């Protein structure tokens, strides 16, 4: 099972996360010829997808790109900001769960405390609406818990990615489409009915959604709270790090 990545944006942050040479057996999917040429220059195996870039929610592009090979190949998808410490350990532990999408969290007062600008107001409005509409899980301190689609395993004969694309396009999330689509899918299909059941069936044993003490505005204490909760329920050997 090889690693698959996606690239649809050329921000300085994303480009800085791309290793200058492939670290493992990796395939990258992208839309733009500029991205294709850049990745080829770094010796990545690349597929250029001839489909239009979605601009209303960039994260839907992740699913659209992965859908190009979802029925043809077993793979583990990883975001660029994931550090690989021990891929052999991952290959063993990956068999323990279906999907392997880790969880992350938002503080209970996230939507009241976050600094919203004119350019981000629509994104936060949509994110708050769908967090409430989908009735996402809450920790005892009332932190919101959602899947973090930084990692995902695809089995070609059982792929759900076409369904996730369809959900994202039909419901028009306009913020974190891949994460809301996945959460909607598992709840609608009754794959899991609670946070604790998610931990037993889907939460990977080799990565946290975010590392302890990861600092992103004021979200770090919420990540620490969730990770502590997870560690009471399951044993992890985190050899992938979401930085």
Foldseek 3Di string as FASTA:
>chain_A
DEEEEEDEDDDPVQVVLADLEDPTQYEYEYADPVVVVSVVVSVHHYDHDPDDQDDLANLLVRLVRCVVCLQPDWYKYAYSQKDFQDVVVVVVQVVQAAFQFAKAWAQQCRLVPDDDDPVCPVQSVLVVVLLVVLVADADPNRIGMWTQVRITIGDNVDGCSVVLSVQCVVVVSSYNSSTSSVSCVCVVVVVDDHPLRCLNHHHTQAEHSADAPDDDPPRRVRRVVVVVVSVVRDHHNHSMHRD
